[in-house]
Structure formats: C-alpha cells, structure tokens
Amino acid sequence: MSNTPQHPQFVDWFRQSSPYIHAFRGRMFVVAFGGDVVAGEGFAHLVHDLALLNSLGIKLVLVHGARPQIEQRLKEADARIDYIHHLRVTDDKALPCVKQAIASVRVEIEALLSMGLANSPMAGARIRVASGNFVTAQPLGIHNGVDYQHTGKVRRIDVDGIEQQHAHNSIVLLSPLGYSPTGEIFNLSLNDVACSAAVQLQADKLIYLTEHYGSKASRKKFLRQFSVSEAETFLQKQNKPDETYSRDMQSAVHACRHGVQRAHLIDRNIDGGLLLELFTRDGVGSLITDDIYEGIRQADINDVGGIIELISPLEENGTLVKRSREHLETEIEQFTVVERDGMIIACAAVYPTSKKTMVELACLAVHPDYQNEGRGDHLLSWIEQQVNVMGGEQLFVLTTRTAHWFRERGFKPADLKALPGKRRSLYNYQRNSKIFIKRL
C-alpha cells in the first residue's frame, strides 16, 4: 500500500488527538471572541472548527463581542464614543446603535453555523443554535462620578435554560446584551459575559480567542502555562500591557479562582488555533489553571518524612524500590511533591542521565485518598514541562505494576538497550522491570 508523504503525519496526528476527543466528550467549553474575529477573513474557518467540536459531543457556549461593529454604527449616527476605564458609556443615542450592531453580528454567526452546503466542512451538520435572554443584567451605575447609563453588568446566567439547550445538542450563543426583570436592555462587556457564564455554568474550559498572544518570558520563549498566581504576577510585571490580552487574562484568572478548571488564551490570527490548542499536547496558546499545580513544588529536606509515609506502602508491596531515609535525604532535590494542607499527597523524582536528552522518571506515587482524581496526570504533566526546560527530549520509566497507566499516557515499550549505558548497567534483573519511553 502506497502512502503520499503527508499520510503518516496525518495518521500520527489523528491518533495522538484521540485521547483528547474521548476526554472532551460531554464537557462544557465557553468560547469567547471579539467583533474583530467576526469581521476577520478567517471567521468562517473558525465556525467550521466550532461545528466540529459540537459534532464531537462538546457542549459549547459561544460569547461574541461587537466593539468595531458598534463603533461603526456610532460613527454613522454621529454619536459619541466614550470609553472610561475600558468601559463604554452607553447613552440614549448610543443604545440603538449598540442593539443594531450586536443583532447584526449575532445573525451573521447564526447564519454561518446554519450553513450545510454540500462539499463544505459544514455539510450535513444541521446545527441548532440557541440565543435569547439567557443573561440577566443590572445597571453598572455611577462610578467615580461617571454615570454609565445603559452600560450594565451581569447579574445572573440562566444555567437551567442553557443546560436544556445542551441536552438537545444545541450550541448556545450569548451576546453582550443583558435584560433586567423590568424590561431594560444593557450593554455588557464581552469579558463580563464570558467569565460569568463560565463560572456560573462551572464550565470545564474558558477559551479566549484574543488579539495578541502576548506572554513572552525573558528567554524570549512563549509561556505555555501559568498557575493562577503566576498569571497574576505576570500581569503585575507588565510595564506596557496589551489592553485586550490583559483583560482576557484577568478574566481567565478570575474564572479559575471561582471554579473553572482551565482557561486558554489563543491568538485569533492562527488558522485552526482552537483545534491545535485543544487536540495537541503542546498547544499553541497559554493555559491558566487553578488545579493542583498550585501545590506542586520542588521537595526540600523537610519533606522527607512525608515522602516516606507516602511511598512506604508501595515499597512494602513491591511496586516501588525501597529507599532508605538517608538515600532520600541525599536525593531530595530530585523530587517534586504535591502538598495539600501541609500533607504530601503525591511525589515523583527525575534523574538526568549521561545522555542529556534522556531523563528518568521514578518513584511516582499518589496517596490512595487522592487517586482517580487526575493528580498523577497533573504531576506527570508538570514534570514533562520541567524536563523540557532541562533540554530533555525523552522521559523513561522502569515499572513492575503500573505499565498500563504509563502506556495510556503516551509511554511506549522499549528494550534495555534503549537506555543510556550507565543506567543500563544498573538495571535490576531480579525486579525484571518493564521499560517505557515517552518522547516530549
């Protein structure tokens, strides 16, 4: 059977994406994008990607902005464009322009999601789109002497209504408009609607397609991942922050602080960026998370007792090699621990080898009370990042009891001869451990 050069690459990508496809089915994602995205040339491709996510069983809540469209309507009506503290002051003359612009954008999005032409990515999709009064709002009021008039803030999201639409496999579309119980209409910010929806729905992900993929470390490498505290520190250190990116990151941080597991910031100009971020291991955007990464740190000498308490049962049943206290004290700098309320609930060690691109993972353990909650996955992910920083390209592990766990996470069986020479000479034939290697 002949293959063209791109076939193996496609097959490899498709196989690697399958774990994410399974993991995301039935999950709820809030995807937010501004009016610039809607007006951009690549918006139709984004809609096709959103349709694909829907077909994979992902529950979608789309939140759109309309700032450039509103400004165009205001100019045509010769109305004032007032922004104070990044919020538009919506007066009586501006409100009709706001409603017209947002309605126009919403209809355009609904039309693209409804497209089902043959020989197109949307062929046979038959997507239902639900939009309406899912957002209850209240007036922003007067701040520092400024009356924002018809500009409001989110009061409540109709969680039950949105969940009912998801039960019928509909995509929910939220506009930056809110309605009060007294029948008033308020102009809302995209970030307020997106963040409020993600928090109140307890979405699995909040995703911003932002104008700039802004975060660069001092080494001129993009920062792929932040804990919430790291993101806050990053924002504080920006001398001339990009306003759009900063608002999106602040909103993402707030969401993660209030129950959303993960938030992603993706450059809207990357064609297929949404799919690349979600279905590849490295992604193309920045990830912010408030999960147990907050409790992951390098171990110190004070952690030896907690590590011993954690790994002793696994040493007794033969899962782990026995390590003396003296041995642990000598090698404590190789360990990473997960601490919760002063207790070590997970640990792992990494050992560089004579072959600098190969790093050994050892002594990975999770407390029984915290297993089956993703702790091991998060710890492994953290270690893979650290190994990458070290310049490692392959992570290998020797195991007797947990082969399937590692295989499910991308490790592949290998022979003893695949190990660096010095590590190979230390192999314990009595334990007869199996060897697995993962390319990073």
Protein backbone atom coordinates (compact mmCIF):
# COMPACT_ATOMS: atom_id res chain seq x y z
CA MET A 1 0.00 0.00 0.00
CA SER A 2 1.46 3.34 -1.05
CA ASN A 3 1.39 6.50 1.02
CA THR A 4 1.89 10.08 0.00
CA PRO A 5 4.32 11.96 2.30
CA GLN A 6 1.54 13.68 4.27
CA HIS A 7 -0.36 10.47 5.11
CA PRO A 8 1.84 9.29 8.03
CA GLN A 9 1.81 12.79 9.51
CA PHE A 10 -1.98 12.92 9.36
CA VAL A 11 -2.39 9.44 10.83
CA ASP A 12 0.06 10.23 13.63
CA TRP A 13 -1.78 13.48 14.48
CA PHE A 14 -5.16 11.77 14.40
CA ARG A 15 -4.00 9.01 16.71
CA GLN A 16 -2.46 11.48 19.15
CA SER A 17 -5.66 13.52 19.24
CA SER A 18 -7.87 10.55 20.17
CA PRO A 19 -7.29 10.81 23.97
CA TYR A 20 -8.47 14.43 23.87
CA ILE A 21 -11.50 13.51 21.79
CA HIS A 22 -12.54 10.98 24.42
CA ALA A 23 -11.75 13.30 27.33
CA PHE A 24 -13.73 16.25 25.93
CA ARG A 25 -16.94 14.43 25.06
CA GLY A 26 -19.74 15.77 27.24
CA ARG A 27 -17.60 18.62 28.59
CA MET A 28 -18.68 22.26 28.54
CA PHE A 29 -16.49 24.89 26.91
CA VAL A 30 -17.17 28.64 26.89
CA VAL A 31 -15.51 30.16 23.81
CA ALA A 32 -15.24 33.96 23.67
CA PHE A 33 -14.19 36.10 20.72
CA GLY A 34 -14.43 39.78 19.87
CA GLY A 35 -16.05 41.58 17.00
CA ASP A 36 -12.67 41.76 15.26
CA VAL A 37 -12.72 37.98 14.97
CA VAL A 38 -16.18 38.05 13.42
CA ALA A 39 -15.06 40.67 10.90
CA GLY A 40 -11.81 38.83 10.07
CA GLU A 41 -11.16 36.77 6.97
CA GLY A 42 -10.74 33.53 8.89
CA PHE A 43 -14.03 33.64 10.77
CA ALA A 44 -15.72 31.09 8.50
CA HIS A 45 -12.91 28.62 9.28
CA LEU A 46 -13.41 29.23 12.99
CA VAL A 47 -17.12 28.49 12.65
CA HIS A 48 -16.27 25.22 10.90
CA ASP A 49 -13.95 24.32 13.80
CA LEU A 50 -16.70 25.12 16.31
CA ALA A 51 -19.08 22.91 14.37
CA LEU A 52 -16.52 20.12 14.58
CA LEU A 53 -16.31 20.50 18.36
CA ASN A 54 -20.08 20.28 18.56
CA SER A 55 -20.08 17.11 16.46
CA LEU A 56 -17.58 15.57 18.91
CA GLY A 57 -20.07 15.93 21.75
CA ILE A 58 -18.62 19.08 23.34
CA LYS A 59 -21.19 21.41 24.90
CA LEU A 60 -20.46 24.86 23.53
CA VAL A 61 -21.35 28.29 24.82
CA LEU A 62 -20.17 30.96 22.39
CA VAL A 63 -19.80 34.54 23.59
CA HIS A 64 -19.24 37.15 20.90
CA GLY A 65 -18.23 40.78 21.06
CA ALA A 66 -19.12 43.60 18.69
CA ARG A 67 -16.90 46.58 19.51
CA PRO A 68 -15.81 47.51 15.95
CA GLN A 69 -19.32 46.98 14.63
CA ILE A 70 -20.77 49.20 17.37
CA GLU A 71 -18.22 51.91 16.71
CA GLN A 72 -19.07 51.88 13.02
CA ARG A 73 -22.78 52.34 13.80
CA LEU A 74 -21.99 55.15 16.22
CA LYS A 75 -19.94 56.96 13.60
CA GLU A 76 -22.72 56.62 11.06
CA ALA A 77 -25.19 58.04 13.60
CA ASP A 78 -22.76 60.80 14.58
CA ALA A 79 -23.00 59.61 18.19
CA ARG A 80 -20.31 59.95 20.85
CA ILE A 81 -17.83 57.14 21.50
CA ASP A 82 -16.91 57.40 25.18
CA TYR A 83 -14.73 54.86 26.98
CA ILE A 84 -13.89 55.33 30.63
CA HIS A 85 -11.80 52.66 32.35
CA HIS A 86 -12.20 50.46 29.25
CA LEU A 87 -16.00 50.55 29.53
CA ARG A 88 -18.29 52.23 27.05
CA VAL A 89 -20.66 54.88 28.36
CA THR A 90 -23.90 53.93 26.62
CA ASP A 91 -26.26 56.91 26.46
CA ASP A 92 -29.75 57.10 24.94
CA LYS A 93 -28.41 57.84 21.46
CA ALA A 94 -25.81 55.07 21.57
CA LEU A 95 -28.10 52.29 22.78
CA PRO A 96 -29.99 51.81 19.47
CA CYS A 97 -26.63 51.61 17.66
CA VAL A 98 -25.43 49.00 20.15
CA LYS A 99 -28.56 46.89 19.68
CA GLN A 100 -28.38 47.08 15.89
CA ALA A 101 -24.70 46.17 15.74
CA ILE A 102 -24.98 43.25 18.16
CA ALA A 103 -28.09 41.91 16.41
CA SER A 104 -26.28 42.05 13.08
CA VAL A 105 -23.27 40.15 14.43
CA ARG A 106 -25.46 37.55 16.11
CA VAL A 107 -27.41 36.90 12.93
CA GLU A 108 -24.19 36.55 10.93
CA ILE A 109 -22.87 33.94 13.37
CA GLU A 110 -26.14 32.04 13.35
CA ALA A 111 -26.17 32.05 9.55
CA LEU A 112 -22.67 30.57 9.32
CA LEU A 113 -23.48 27.91 11.90
CA SER A 114 -26.62 27.02 9.94
CA MET A 115 -24.78 26.53 6.67
CA GLY A 116 -24.93 22.97 5.35
CA LEU A 117 -23.80 23.14 1.73
CA ALA A 118 -22.51 20.01 0.08
CA ASN A 119 -18.73 19.81 -0.40
CA SER A 120 -18.18 22.18 2.53
CA PRO A 121 -16.94 21.46 6.09
CA MET A 122 -20.49 22.12 7.32
CA ALA A 123 -22.13 19.59 5.01
CA GLY A 124 -24.88 17.71 6.86
CA ALA A 125 -24.04 19.34 10.18
CA ARG A 126 -27.60 20.52 10.98
CA ILE A 127 -26.50 22.51 13.98
CA ARG A 128 -29.08 24.09 16.25
CA VAL A 129 -28.15 27.50 17.61
CA ALA A 130 -29.93 28.87 20.66
CA SER A 131 -29.74 32.56 21.54
CA GLY A 132 -32.02 34.71 23.62
CA ASN A 133 -32.47 36.14 27.09
CA PHE A 134 -30.02 33.88 28.91
CA VAL A 135 -28.29 36.86 30.56
CA THR A 136 -29.97 38.90 33.29
CA ALA A 137 -28.23 42.24 33.87
CA GLN A 138 -28.32 45.28 36.07
CA PRO A 139 -27.04 48.82 35.56
CA LEU A 140 -23.39 49.46 36.23
CA GLY A 141 -24.49 52.70 37.84
CA ILE A 142 -22.30 55.65 38.77
CA HIS A 143 -18.60 55.11 39.43
CA ASN A 144 -16.28 57.93 40.42
CA GLY A 145 -18.89 60.40 39.30
CA VAL A 146 -19.41 58.79 35.89
CA ASP A 147 -22.93 57.64 35.02
CA TYR A 148 -22.59 54.70 32.67
CA GLN A 149 -26.33 54.86 31.87
CA HIS A 150 -27.24 51.85 29.69
CA THR A 151 -23.95 50.04 30.31
CA GLY A 152 -24.54 47.18 32.72
CA LYS A 153 -23.04 44.15 34.35
CA VAL A 154 -24.11 40.53 34.51
CA ARG A 155 -26.43 39.70 37.38
CA ARG A 156 -27.31 36.11 36.56
CA ILE A 157 -26.87 33.48 33.83
CA ASP A 158 -29.81 31.21 33.05
CA VAL A 159 -27.97 27.99 33.83
CA ASP A 160 -31.05 25.76 33.58
CA GLY A 161 -32.03 27.24 30.23
CA ILE A 162 -28.57 26.72 28.78
CA GLU A 163 -28.36 23.16 30.07
CA GLN A 164 -31.73 22.40 28.47
CA GLN A 165 -30.39 23.59 25.13
CA HIS A 166 -27.28 21.45 25.53
CA ALA A 167 -29.50 18.45 26.23
CA HIS A 168 -30.78 18.89 22.67
CA ASN A 169 -27.24 19.20 21.28
CA SER A 170 -27.64 22.91 20.59
CA ILE A 171 -24.85 25.47 20.58
CA VAL A 172 -25.72 28.36 22.88
CA LEU A 173 -24.82 31.82 21.61
CA LEU A 174 -24.56 34.67 24.11
CA SER A 175 -24.39 38.30 23.01
CA PRO A 176 -23.02 41.21 25.06
CA LEU A 177 -26.53 42.34 25.92
CA GLY A 178 -28.42 41.73 29.14
CA TYR A 179 -32.02 42.17 30.18
CA SER A 180 -33.40 43.31 33.51
CA PRO A 181 -36.58 41.97 35.15
CA THR A 182 -38.11 45.38 34.44
CA GLY A 183 -37.52 45.03 30.68
CA GLU A 184 -34.48 47.27 30.34
CA ILE A 185 -31.61 46.42 27.99
CA PHE A 186 -27.98 46.86 29.00
CA ASN A 187 -24.78 46.92 27.00
CA LEU A 188 -22.32 44.45 28.57
CA SER A 189 -18.65 43.70 28.13
CA LEU A 190 -17.55 40.53 26.40
CA ASN A 191 -15.30 39.59 29.33
CA ASP A 192 -18.09 40.03 31.88
CA VAL A 193 -20.47 37.78 29.95
CA ALA A 194 -17.86 35.12 29.17
CA CYS A 195 -16.42 34.95 32.68
CA SER A 196 -19.83 34.98 34.36
CA ALA A 197 -21.11 32.24 32.07
CA ALA A 198 -18.06 30.06 32.66
CA VAL A 199 -18.22 30.47 36.44
CA GLN A 200 -21.97 30.05 36.88
CA LEU A 201 -22.10 27.10 34.48
CA GLN A 202 -18.94 25.66 36.11
CA ALA A 203 -17.57 25.11 32.62
CA ASP A 204 -14.62 22.81 32.10
CA LYS A 205 -12.84 25.42 29.99
CA LEU A 206 -12.99 29.14 29.29
CA ILE A 207 -11.32 29.92 25.96
CA TYR A 208 -10.46 33.38 24.69
CA LEU A 209 -9.53 33.96 21.06
CA THR A 210 -7.54 37.05 21.84
CA GLU A 211 -5.99 39.72 19.69
CA HIS A 212 -2.43 39.15 20.80
CA TYR A 213 -0.65 36.07 22.03
CA GLY A 214 1.23 38.29 24.37
CA SER A 215 3.20 36.37 27.01
CA LYS A 216 6.94 36.05 26.41
CA ALA A 217 9.42 35.10 29.06
CA SER A 218 12.75 36.76 29.49
CA ARG A 219 14.27 33.98 27.43
CA LYS A 220 12.07 35.03 24.54
CA LYS A 221 10.10 31.79 24.77
CA PHE A 222 6.35 31.81 24.88
CA LEU A 223 4.91 30.90 28.26
CA ARG A 224 2.63 27.98 27.58
CA GLN A 225 1.30 27.52 31.07
CA PHE A 226 0.53 29.60 34.15
CA SER A 227 -0.79 28.80 37.56
CA VAL A 228 -3.24 31.46 38.72
CA SER A 229 -0.62 33.05 40.97
CA GLU A 230 1.92 33.05 38.14
CA ALA A 231 -0.58 34.74 35.84
CA GLU A 232 -1.28 37.40 38.46
CA THR A 233 2.44 38.02 38.89
CA PHE A 234 2.88 38.23 35.12
CA LEU A 235 0.16 40.86 34.86
CA GLN A 236 1.67 42.92 37.67
CA LYS A 237 5.06 42.97 35.99
CA GLN A 238 3.83 44.30 32.64
CA ASN A 239 5.04 47.86 32.12
CA LYS A 240 3.08 48.43 28.91
CA PRO A 241 0.48 45.68 28.85
CA ASP A 242 -1.62 44.98 25.80
CA GLU A 243 -5.08 46.00 26.99
CA THR A 244 -7.04 43.30 25.19
CA TYR A 245 -4.73 40.50 26.24
CA SER A 246 -4.55 41.76 29.82
CA ARG A 247 -8.34 41.96 30.15
CA ASP A 248 -8.69 38.46 28.77
CA MET A 249 -6.05 37.12 31.16
CA GLN A 250 -7.60 38.91 34.14
CA SER A 251 -10.95 37.40 33.24
CA ALA A 252 -9.37 33.95 32.88
CA VAL A 253 -7.69 34.28 36.28
CA HIS A 254 -10.98 35.29 37.90
CA ALA A 255 -12.76 32.31 36.32
CA CYS A 256 -10.10 29.87 37.53
CA ARG A 257 -10.31 31.36 41.02
CA HIS A 258 -14.04 30.61 41.02
CA GLY A 259 -14.26 27.02 39.92
CA VAL A 260 -13.36 26.87 36.22
CA GLN A 261 -10.68 24.23 35.87
CA ARG A 262 -8.77 25.68 32.94
CA ALA A 263 -8.66 28.77 30.78
CA HIS A 264 -6.91 29.16 27.43
CA LEU A 265 -5.77 32.27 25.58
CA ILE A 266 -5.24 31.68 21.86
CA ASP A 267 -4.04 34.05 19.17
CA ARG A 268 -7.07 34.62 16.98
CA ASN A 269 -4.84 35.01 13.91
CA ILE A 270 -3.67 31.39 13.96
CA ASP A 271 -5.71 29.41 11.45
CA GLY A 272 -7.03 26.38 13.31
CA GLY A 273 -5.61 27.68 16.59
CA LEU A 274 -8.60 26.41 18.56
CA LEU A 275 -8.10 22.84 17.34
CA LEU A 276 -4.33 22.99 17.75
CA GLU A 277 -4.69 24.16 21.35
CA LEU A 278 -7.25 21.53 22.29
CA PHE A 279 -6.05 18.46 20.40
CA THR A 280 -2.26 18.62 20.50
CA ARG A 281 -0.06 18.03 23.52
CA ASP A 282 1.86 21.30 23.33
CA GLY A 283 -0.94 23.52 22.03
CA VAL A 284 -0.39 26.98 20.58
CA GLY A 285 -1.76 29.23 23.32
CA SER A 286 -1.37 29.97 27.00
CA LEU A 287 -3.02 27.78 29.64
CA ILE A 288 -4.08 29.12 33.03
CA THR A 289 -5.14 26.65 35.67
CA ASP A 290 -6.09 26.69 39.34
CA ASP A 291 -5.88 22.95 39.87
CA ILE A 292 -3.21 21.17 41.88
CA TYR A 293 -0.39 22.89 40.01
CA GLU A 294 -0.67 25.45 42.79
CA GLY A 295 0.53 22.77 45.24
CA ILE A 296 3.35 21.34 43.13
CA ARG A 297 6.87 22.32 44.13
CA GLN A 298 10.39 21.04 44.41
CA ALA A 299 10.88 18.98 47.55
CA ASP A 300 13.20 20.01 50.36
CA ILE A 301 14.70 18.22 53.35
CA ASN A 302 11.59 18.87 55.44
CA ASP A 303 9.54 16.73 53.05
CA VAL A 304 11.49 13.51 53.61
CA GLY A 305 9.16 12.29 56.36
CA GLY A 306 6.06 12.95 54.27
CA ILE A 307 7.53 11.18 51.25
CA ILE A 308 8.45 8.14 53.36
CA GLU A 309 4.91 7.96 54.73
CA LEU A 310 3.53 8.17 51.19
CA ILE A 311 5.76 5.60 49.49
CA SER A 312 6.25 3.05 52.30
CA PRO A 313 3.10 1.01 51.47
CA LEU A 314 4.18 0.86 47.81
CA GLU A 315 7.65 -0.27 48.82
CA GLU A 316 6.17 -2.98 51.02
CA ASN A 317 4.05 -4.44 48.23
CA GLY A 318 6.90 -4.26 45.71
CA THR A 319 5.52 -1.51 43.49
CA LEU A 320 8.44 0.80 44.30
CA VAL A 321 12.09 0.11 45.05
CA LYS A 322 12.87 0.56 48.74
CA ARG A 323 14.68 3.78 49.62
CA SER A 324 16.25 4.49 53.00
CA ARG A 325 15.81 7.81 54.75
CA GLU A 326 19.48 8.55 54.10
CA HIS A 327 19.01 7.81 50.40
CA LEU A 328 16.03 10.16 50.22
CA GLU A 329 17.85 12.90 52.08
CA THR A 330 20.75 12.65 49.63
CA GLU A 331 18.49 12.82 46.57
CA ILE A 332 15.72 15.08 47.85
CA GLU A 333 16.50 17.73 45.23
CA GLN A 334 15.47 15.28 42.52
CA PHE A 335 11.94 15.04 43.97
CA THR A 336 8.83 17.02 43.18
CA VAL A 337 5.92 16.88 45.63
CA VAL A 338 2.25 17.84 45.68
CA GLU A 339 1.26 19.35 49.01
CA ARG A 340 -2.30 19.77 50.24
CA ASP A 341 -2.98 21.40 53.60
CA GLY A 342 0.55 20.59 54.77
CA MET A 343 0.35 16.95 53.70
CA ILE A 344 2.39 15.35 50.89
CA ILE A 345 -0.22 13.65 48.71
CA ALA A 346 1.92 12.85 45.65
CA CYS A 347 5.56 12.75 44.64
CA ALA A 348 7.90 11.85 41.81
CA ALA A 349 11.61 12.05 41.10
CA VAL A 350 13.58 12.79 37.94
CA TYR A 351 17.16 11.78 37.31
CA PRO A 352 19.31 13.17 34.49
CA THR A 353 21.46 10.60 32.70
CA SER A 354 24.74 10.56 30.82
CA LYS A 355 22.67 11.09 27.68
CA LYS A 356 21.42 14.61 28.34
CA THR A 357 18.31 14.27 26.18
CA MET A 358 17.08 11.28 28.24
CA VAL A 359 15.70 11.74 31.75
CA GLU A 360 14.46 9.04 34.12
CA LEU A 361 11.14 9.34 35.95
CA ALA A 362 11.00 7.37 39.19
CA CYS A 363 9.04 6.96 42.43
CA LEU A 364 5.77 8.37 41.07
CA ALA A 365 3.19 7.89 43.83
CA VAL A 366 -0.21 9.32 44.74
CA HIS A 367 -1.88 8.93 48.13
CA PRO A 368 -4.81 6.43 47.95
CA ASP A 369 -7.28 9.07 49.16
CA TYR A 370 -6.44 11.27 46.17
CA GLN A 371 -6.19 8.73 43.38
CA ASN A 372 -8.56 8.69 40.39
CA GLU A 373 -8.81 12.50 40.55
CA GLY A 374 -6.15 13.34 37.97
CA ARG A 375 -3.35 14.03 40.46
CA GLY A 376 -0.96 11.66 38.74
CA ASP A 377 -1.74 13.19 35.35
CA HIS A 378 -1.13 16.72 36.59
CA LEU A 379 2.11 15.74 38.30
CA LEU A 380 3.32 13.97 35.16
CA SER A 381 2.42 16.98 33.04
CA TRP A 382 4.32 19.28 35.38
CA ILE A 383 7.39 17.04 35.28
CA GLU A 384 7.30 16.87 31.49
CA GLN A 385 7.44 20.67 31.42
CA GLN A 386 10.43 20.72 33.77
CA VAL A 387 12.22 18.09 31.71
CA ASN A 388 11.61 20.19 28.60
CA VAL A 389 13.20 23.18 30.32
CA MET A 390 16.19 20.97 31.18
CA GLY A 391 16.59 20.17 27.50
CA GLY A 392 15.28 16.63 27.83
CA GLU A 393 13.63 15.10 24.80
CA GLN A 394 12.72 11.67 26.18
CA LEU A 395 11.35 10.59 29.54
CA PHE A 396 11.76 6.94 30.52
CA VAL A 397 10.43 4.90 33.39
CA LEU A 398 11.01 1.39 34.79
CA THR A 399 7.93 -0.21 36.32
CA THR A 400 6.64 -3.57 37.51
CA ARG A 401 2.99 -2.83 38.37
CA THR A 402 1.86 0.28 36.51
CA ALA A 403 2.71 -0.44 32.87
CA HIS A 404 -0.82 0.25 31.64
CA TRP A 405 -1.01 3.61 33.39
CA PHE A 406 2.10 4.81 31.61
CA ARG A 407 1.08 3.35 28.26
CA GLU A 408 -2.24 5.18 28.47
CA ARG A 409 -0.26 8.41 28.82
CA GLY A 410 1.89 8.05 25.75
CA PHE A 411 4.79 5.93 27.02
CA LYS A 412 5.87 3.17 24.63
CA PRO A 413 7.59 -0.12 25.45
CA ALA A 414 11.35 -0.19 24.90
CA ASP A 415 14.27 -2.59 25.24
CA LEU A 416 17.02 -2.36 27.82
CA LYS A 417 19.46 -1.35 25.11
CA ALA A 418 17.48 1.88 24.61
CA LEU A 419 18.69 3.18 27.98
CA PRO A 420 21.92 5.15 28.39
CA GLY A 421 24.90 2.91 29.09
CA LYS A 422 25.44 3.79 32.77
CA ARG A 423 21.74 3.41 33.60
CA ARG A 424 21.63 0.14 31.68
CA SER A 425 24.44 -1.24 33.84
CA LEU A 426 22.35 -0.53 36.97
CA TYR A 427 19.33 -2.49 35.74
CA ASN A 428 17.96 -4.88 38.41
CA TYR A 429 17.29 -8.18 36.66
CA GLN A 430 15.68 -9.57 39.82
CA ARG A 431 12.88 -6.98 39.66
CA ASN A 432 12.58 -7.55 35.89
CA SER A 433 11.04 -4.09 35.41
CA LYS A 434 9.50 -3.15 32.10
CA ILE A 435 10.89 -0.11 30.31
CA PHE A 436 8.79 2.62 28.75
CA ILE A 437 9.86 5.77 26.93
CA LYS A 438 7.90 8.89 26.02
CA ARG A 439 9.09 11.48 23.51
CA LEU A 440 8.38 15.02 24.72
